[in-house]
PDB file of N, CA and C in Angstrom:
ATOM      1  N   MET A   1       1.002  -1.193  -0.165  1.00  0.00           N
ATOM      2  CA  MET A   1       0.191   0.095   0.124  1.00  0.00           C
ATOM      3  C   MET A   1       0.827   1.408   0.128  1.00  0.00           C
ATOM      4  N   LYS A   2       0.737   1.986  -0.969  1.00  0.00           N
ATOM      5  CA  LYS A   2       1.617   3.406  -1.057  1.00  0.00           C
ATOM      6  C   LYS A   2       0.532   4.405  -0.358  1.00  0.00           C
ATOM      7  N   THR A   3       1.195   5.441   0.417  1.00  0.00           N
ATOM      8  CA  THR A   3       0.755   6.279   1.066  1.00  0.00           C
ATOM      9  C   THR A   3      -0.100   7.265   0.125  1.00  0.00           C
ATOM     10  N   ASN A   4      -1.418   7.543   0.554  1.00  0.00           N
ATOM     11  CA  ASN A   4      -2.057   8.457  -0.610  1.00  0.00           C
ATOM     12  C   ASN A   4      -2.699   9.728   0.265  1.00  0.00           C
ATOM     13  N   MET A   5      -2.152   9.868   1.573  1.00  0.00           N
ATOM     14  CA  MET A   5      -2.937  10.980   2.298  1.00  0.00           C
ATOM     15  C   MET A   5      -1.672  11.828   2.785  1.00  0.00           C
ATOM     16  N   GLY A   6      -1.996  13.114   2.483  1.00  0.00           N
ATOM     17  CA  GLY A   6      -1.206  14.024   3.078  1.00  0.00           C
ATOM     18  C   GLY A   6      -1.188  14.150   4.409  1.00  0.00           C
ATOM     19  N   ASN A   7      -0.620  15.186   5.038  1.00  0.00           N
ATOM     20  CA  ASN A   7      -0.229  15.670   6.586  1.00  0.00           C
ATOM     21  C   ASN A   7      -1.635  16.145   7.149  1.00  0.00           C
ATOM     22  N   ALA A   8      -1.936  16.990   6.162  1.00  0.00           N
ATOM     23  CA  ALA A   8      -3.269  18.025   6.651  1.00  0.00           C
ATOM     24  C   ALA A   8      -4.290  17.331   6.635  1.00  0.00           C
ATOM     25  N   ASP A   9      -4.472  16.257   5.592  1.00  0.00           N
ATOM     26  CA  ASP A   9      -5.733  15.155   5.788  1.00  0.00           C
ATOM     27  C   ASP A   9      -5.592  14.510   6.795  1.00  0.00           C
ATOM     28  N   ARG A  10      -4.602  13.727   7.061  1.00  0.00           N
ATOM     29  CA  ARG A  10      -3.980  13.060   8.430  1.00  0.00           C
ATOM     30  C   ARG A  10      -4.848  13.434   9.630  1.00  0.00           C
ATOM     31  N   VAL A  11      -4.196  15.042  10.090  1.00  0.00           N
ATOM     32  CA  VAL A  11      -4.531  15.603  11.403  1.00  0.00           C
ATOM     33  C   VAL A  11      -6.099  15.957  11.182  1.00  0.00           C
ATOM     34  N   ILE A  12      -6.670  16.467  10.140  1.00  0.00           N
ATOM     35  CA  ILE A  12      -7.932  16.578  10.247  1.00  0.00           C
ATOM     36  C   ILE A  12      -9.078  15.325  10.411  1.00  0.00           C
ATOM     37  N   ARG A  13      -8.400  13.985   9.974  1.00  0.00           N
ATOM     38  CA  ARG A  13      -9.281  13.005  10.655  1.00  0.00           C
ATOM     39  C   ARG A  13      -8.835  12.613  11.847  1.00  0.00           C
ATOM     40  N   VAL A  14      -7.730  12.799  12.313  1.00  0.00           N
ATOM     41  CA  VAL A  14      -7.344  12.798  13.906  1.00  0.00           C
ATOM     42  C   VAL A  14      -8.121  13.168  14.659  1.00  0.00           C
ATOM     43  N   ILE A  15      -8.370  14.626  14.268  1.00  0.00           N
ATOM     44  CA  ILE A  15      -9.240  15.747  14.967  1.00  0.00           C
ATOM     45  C   ILE A  15     -10.540  15.605  15.068  1.00  0.00           C
ATOM     46  N   LEU A  16     -11.093  14.726  13.957  1.00  0.00           N
ATOM     47  CA  LEU A  16     -12.521  14.206  13.756  1.00  0.00           C
ATOM     48  C   LEU A  16     -12.667  13.205  14.910  1.00  0.00           C
ATOM     49  N   ALA A  17     -11.696  12.375  15.000  1.00  0.00           N
ATOM     50  CA  ALA A  17     -11.907  11.108  15.770  1.00  0.00           C
ATOM     51  C   ALA A  17     -11.857  11.123  17.100  1.00  0.00           C
ATOM     52  N   ILE A  18     -11.374  12.288  17.467  1.00  0.00           N
ATOM     53  CA  ILE A  18     -11.067  12.778  18.878  1.00  0.00           C
ATOM     54  C   ILE A  18     -12.370  13.638  19.299  1.00  0.00           C
ATOM     55  N   VAL A  19     -12.988  14.141  18.222  1.00  0.00           N
ATOM     56  CA  VAL A  19     -14.337  15.095  18.557  1.00  0.00           C
ATOM     57  C   VAL A  19     -15.344  13.970  18.473  1.00  0.00           C
ATOM     58  N   PHE A  20     -15.576  12.996  17.241  1.00  0.00           N
ATOM     59  CA  PHE A  20     -16.549  12.066  17.719  1.00  0.00           C
ATOM     60  C   PHE A  20     -16.360  11.323  18.952  1.00  0.00           C
ATOM     61  N   SER A  21     -15.283  10.831  19.183  1.00  0.00           N
ATOM     62  CA  SER A  21     -15.069   9.830  20.593  1.00  0.00           C
ATOM     63  C   SER A  21     -15.387  10.847  21.686  1.00  0.00           C
ATOM     64  N   ALA A  22     -15.152  12.118  21.788  1.00  0.00           N
ATOM     65  CA  ALA A  22     -15.649  13.249  23.082  1.00  0.00           C
ATOM     66  C   ALA A  22     -17.229  13.407  23.172  1.00  0.00           C
ATOM     67  N   LEU A  23     -17.618  13.230  21.577  1.00  0.00           N
ATOM     68  CA  LEU A  23     -19.219  13.496  21.721  1.00  0.00           C
ATOM     69  C   LEU A  23     -19.871  11.896  22.528  1.00  0.00           C
ATOM     70  N   TYR A  24     -18.913  10.762  22.025  1.00  0.00           N
ATOM     71  CA  TYR A  24     -19.689   9.555  22.612  1.00  0.00           C
ATOM     72  C   TYR A  24     -19.488   9.388  23.902  1.00  0.00           C
ATOM     73  N   PHE A  25     -18.341   9.670  24.366  1.00  0.00           N
ATOM     74  CA  PHE A  25     -17.919   9.365  25.589  1.00  0.00           C
ATOM     75  C   PHE A  25     -18.753  10.171  26.546  1.00  0.00           C
ATOM     76  N   THR A  26     -18.875  11.552  26.400  1.00  0.00           N
ATOM     77  CA  THR A  26     -19.525  12.696  27.187  1.00  0.00           C
ATOM     78  C   THR A  26     -20.943  12.202  27.297  1.00  0.00           C
ATOM     79  N   GLY A  27     -21.656  11.611  26.664  1.00  0.00           N
ATOM     80  CA  GLY A  27     -23.016  11.375  26.337  1.00  0.00           C
ATOM     81  C   GLY A  27     -23.834  12.190  25.450  1.00  0.00           C
ATOM     82  N   THR A  28     -23.189  13.088  24.790  1.00  0.00           N
ATOM     83  CA  THR A  28     -23.812  14.162  23.799  1.00  0.00           C
ATOM     84  C   THR A  28     -24.556  13.264  22.768  1.00  0.00           C
ATOM     85  N   VAL A  29     -24.021  12.235  21.952  1.00  0.00           N
ATOM     86  CA  VAL A  29     -24.916  11.456  20.851  1.00  0.00           C
ATOM     87  C   VAL A  29     -24.639  10.293  22.051  1.00  0.00           C
ATOM     88  N   THR A  30     -25.851   9.760  21.745  1.00  0.00           N
ATOM     89  CA  THR A  30     -25.938   8.362  22.413  1.00  0.00           C
ATOM     90  C   THR A  30     -26.580   7.269  21.358  1.00  0.00           C
ATOM     91  N   GLY A  31     -27.094   6.130  21.824  1.00  0.00           N
ATOM     92  CA  GLY A  31     -27.789   5.144  20.933  1.00  0.00           C
ATOM     93  C   GLY A  31     -26.885   4.798  19.790  1.00  0.00           C
ATOM     94  N   THR A  32     -27.645   4.355  18.484  1.00  0.00           N
ATOM     95  CA  THR A  32     -27.458   4.196  17.250  1.00  0.00           C
ATOM     96  C   THR A  32     -26.294   5.483  16.510  1.00  0.00           C
ATOM     97  N   TRP A  33     -26.610   6.507  16.622  1.00  0.00           N
ATOM     98  CA  TRP A  33     -25.901   7.416  16.466  1.00  0.00           C
ATOM     99  C   TRP A  33     -24.686   7.603  17.085  1.00  0.00           C
ATOM    100  N   GLY A  34     -24.499   7.456  18.231  1.00  0.00           N
ATOM    101  CA  GLY A  34     -23.172   7.216  18.803  1.00  0.00           C
ATOM    102  C   GLY A  34     -22.362   6.531  18.645  1.00  0.00           C
ATOM    103  N   THR A  35     -23.119   5.088  18.358  1.00  0.00           N
ATOM    104  CA  THR A  35     -22.006   4.169  17.960  1.00  0.00           C
ATOM    105  C   THR A  35     -21.551   4.103  16.580  1.00  0.00           C
ATOM    106  N   VAL A  36     -22.499   4.892  15.784  1.00  0.00           N
ATOM    107  CA  VAL A  36     -22.046   5.045  14.213  1.00  0.00           C
ATOM    108  C   VAL A  36     -20.538   6.291  14.434  1.00  0.00           C
ATOM    109  N   LEU A  37     -21.069   7.273  15.161  1.00  0.00           N
ATOM    110  CA  LEU A  37     -19.893   8.232  15.487  1.00  0.00           C
ATOM    111  C   LEU A  37     -18.645   7.374  15.951  1.00  0.00           C
ATOM    112  N   LEU A  38     -18.640   6.899  16.846  1.00  0.00           N
ATOM    113  CA  LEU A  38     -17.491   6.115  17.184  1.00  0.00           C
ATOM    114  C   LEU A  38     -17.045   5.292  16.328  1.00  0.00           C
ATOM    115  N   VAL A  39     -17.678   4.281  15.793  1.00  0.00           N
ATOM    116  CA  VAL A  39     -16.875   3.508  14.358  1.00  0.00           C
ATOM    117  C   VAL A  39     -16.292   4.518  13.512  1.00  0.00           C
ATOM    118  N   PHE A  40     -16.908   5.435  13.470  1.00  0.00           N
ATOM    119  CA  PHE A  40     -16.267   6.455  12.016  1.00  0.00           C
ATOM    120  C   PHE A  40     -14.948   7.018  12.539  1.00  0.00           C
ATOM    121  N   GLY A  41     -15.320   7.482  13.862  1.00  0.00           N
ATOM    122  CA  GLY A  41     -13.843   7.803  14.480  1.00  0.00           C
ATOM    123  C   GLY A  41     -12.585   7.299  14.495  1.00  0.00           C
ATOM    124  N   GLY A  42     -13.126   5.889  15.108  1.00  0.00           N
ATOM    125  CA  GLY A  42     -12.127   4.364  14.870  1.00  0.00           C
ATOM    126  C   GLY A  42     -11.410   4.254  13.466  1.00  0.00           C
ATOM    127  N   VAL A  43     -12.507   4.329  12.740  1.00  0.00           N
ATOM    128  CA  VAL A  43     -11.871   4.264  10.972  1.00  0.00           C
ATOM    129  C   VAL A  43     -10.796   5.396  10.918  1.00  0.00           C
ATOM    130  N   PHE A  44     -11.339   6.631  11.071  1.00  0.00           N
ATOM    131  CA  PHE A  44     -10.600   7.670  10.740  1.00  0.00           C
ATOM    132  C   PHE A  44      -9.317   7.712  11.305  1.00  0.00           C
ATOM    133  N   LEU A  45      -9.137   7.361  12.473  1.00  0.00           N
ATOM    134  CA  LEU A  45      -7.996   7.117  13.356  1.00  0.00           C
ATOM    135  C   LEU A  45      -6.914   6.246  12.572  1.00  0.00           C
ATOM    136  N   MET A  46      -7.638   4.892  12.220  1.00  0.00           N
ATOM    137  CA  MET A  46      -6.870   4.150  11.765  1.00  0.00           C
ATOM    138  C   MET A  46      -6.445   4.054  10.359  1.00  0.00           C
ATOM    139  N   VAL A  47      -7.085   4.873   9.553  1.00  0.00           N
ATOM    140  CA  VAL A  47      -6.682   5.161   8.206  1.00  0.00           C
ATOM    141  C   VAL A  47      -5.573   6.101   8.404  1.00  0.00           C
ATOM    142  N   SER A  48      -5.881   7.363   9.312  1.00  0.00           N
ATOM    143  CA  SER A  48      -4.713   8.228   9.625  1.00  0.00           C
ATOM    144  C   SER A  48      -3.564   7.813   9.884  1.00  0.00           C
ATOM    145  N   VAL A  49      -3.617   6.730  10.948  1.00  0.00           N
ATOM    146  CA  VAL A  49      -2.283   6.027  11.206  1.00  0.00           C
ATOM    147  C   VAL A  49      -1.812   5.682  10.107  1.00  0.00           C
ATOM    148  N   MET A  50      -2.049   4.740   9.442  1.00  0.00           N
ATOM    149  CA  MET A  50      -1.649   3.885   8.257  1.00  0.00           C
ATOM    150  C   MET A  50      -1.277   5.124   7.163  1.00  0.00           C
ATOM    151  N   GLY A  51      -2.041   6.028   6.463  1.00  0.00           N
ATOM    152  CA  GLY A  51      -1.584   7.224   5.995  1.00  0.00           C
ATOM    153  C   GLY A  51      -2.138   6.715   4.428  1.00  0.00           C
ATOM    154  N   PHE A  52      -3.088   5.523   4.433  1.00  0.00           N
ATOM    155  CA  PHE A  52      -3.573   5.088   3.205  1.00  0.00           C
ATOM    156  C   PHE A  52      -5.055   5.028   3.500  1.00  0.00           C
ATOM    157  N   CYS A  53      -6.250   5.532   2.642  1.00  0.00           N
ATOM    158  CA  CYS A  53      -7.275   5.534   2.366  1.00  0.00           C
ATOM    159  C   CYS A  53      -8.068   4.748   1.388  1.00  0.00           C
ATOM    160  N   PRO A  54      -8.898   3.541   1.408  1.00  0.00           N
ATOM    161  CA  PRO A  54      -8.951   2.868   0.570  1.00  0.00           C
ATOM    162  C   PRO A  54      -9.836   3.705  -0.585  1.00  0.00           C
ATOM    163  N   LEU A  55     -10.697   4.510   0.060  1.00  0.00           N
ATOM    164  CA  LEU A  55     -11.861   5.242  -0.858  1.00  0.00           C
ATOM    165  C   LEU A  55     -10.806   6.083  -1.744  1.00  0.00           C
ATOM    166  N   TYR A  56      -9.772   6.788  -1.508  1.00  0.00           N
ATOM    167  CA  TYR A  56      -9.006   7.337  -2.156  1.00  0.00           C
ATOM    168  C   TYR A  56      -8.301   6.715  -3.040  1.00  0.00           C
ATOM    169  N   ALA A  57      -7.938   5.444  -2.969  1.00  0.00           N
ATOM    170  CA  ALA A  57      -7.552   4.690  -4.045  1.00  0.00           C
ATOM    171  C   ALA A  57      -8.236   4.414  -4.956  1.00  0.00           C
ATOM    172  N   ILE A  58      -9.628   3.834  -4.615  1.00  0.00           N
ATOM    173  CA  ILE A  58     -10.651   3.325  -5.427  1.00  0.00           C
ATOM    174  C   ILE A  58     -10.854   4.890  -6.374  1.00  0.00           C
ATOM    175  N   PHE A  59     -10.990   5.808  -6.027  1.00  0.00           N
ATOM    176  CA  PHE A  59     -11.486   6.916  -6.812  1.00  0.00           C
ATOM    177  C   PHE A  59     -10.279   7.733  -7.187  1.00  0.00           C
ATOM    178  N   GLY A  60      -8.780   7.385  -7.031  1.00  0.00           N
ATOM    179  CA  GLY A  60      -7.772   8.001  -7.551  1.00  0.00           C
ATOM    180  C   GLY A  60      -7.225   9.343  -6.896  1.00  0.00           C
ATOM    181  N   ILE A  61      -7.542   9.427  -6.046  1.00  0.00           N
ATOM    182  CA  ILE A  61      -7.262  10.676  -5.146  1.00  0.00           C
ATOM    183  C   ILE A  61      -5.924  10.354  -4.305  1.00  0.00           C
ATOM    184  N   ASN A  62      -5.531  11.262  -4.450  1.00  0.00           N
ATOM    185  CA  ASN A  62      -3.721  11.339  -3.843  1.00  0.00           C
ATOM    186  C   ASN A  62      -3.589  12.802  -3.203  1.00  0.00           C
ATOM    187  N   SER A  63      -3.623  12.874  -2.000  1.00  0.00           N
ATOM    188  CA  SER A  63      -3.605  13.931  -1.130  1.00  0.00           C
ATOM    189  C   SER A  63      -1.918  14.425  -0.851  1.00  0.00           C
ATOM    190  N   CYS A  64      -1.137  13.516  -0.432  1.00  0.00           N
ATOM    191  CA  CYS A  64      -0.157  13.677  -0.381  1.00  0.00           C
ATOM    192  C   CYS A  64       1.377  14.202  -0.865  1.00  0.00           C
ATOM    193  N   GLY A  65       0.996  14.375  -2.193  1.00  0.00           N
ATOM    194  CA  GLY A  65       1.988  15.590  -2.638  1.00  0.00           C
ATOM    195  C   GLY A  65       2.946  14.182  -3.688  1.00  0.00           C
ATOM    196  N   ASN A  66       3.126  13.197  -3.469  1.00  0.00           N
ATOM    197  CA  ASN A  66       4.158  12.318  -3.772  1.00  0.00           C
ATOM    198  C   ASN A  66       3.511  12.041  -5.257  1.00  0.00           C
ATOM    199  N   LYS A  67       4.431  12.118  -6.471  1.00  0.00           N
ATOM    200  CA  LYS A  67       4.031  11.643  -7.686  1.00  0.00           C
ATOM    201  C   LYS A  67       4.007  10.371  -7.838  1.00  0.00           C
ATOM    202  N   LYS A  68       2.964   9.598  -8.617  1.00  0.00           N
ATOM    203  CA  LYS A  68       2.867   8.269  -9.082  1.00  0.00           C
ATOM    204  C   LYS A  68       4.090   7.677  -9.736  1.00  0.00           C
TER     205      LYS A  68
END
């Protein structure tokens, strides 16, 4: 897997993961929507750590600035 996410993209996803987790654990968002946000936060965090987004690969998007 080649890296296809830039640093700004990765930071934004980590921030979103933190916000989603905070919303869930503080009880602001509960039930099904809370679980959905928590799952999205986990996926965002995992993808940011790896630096590879499968949806970017499918659509041919590359935000890391490296030439193919």
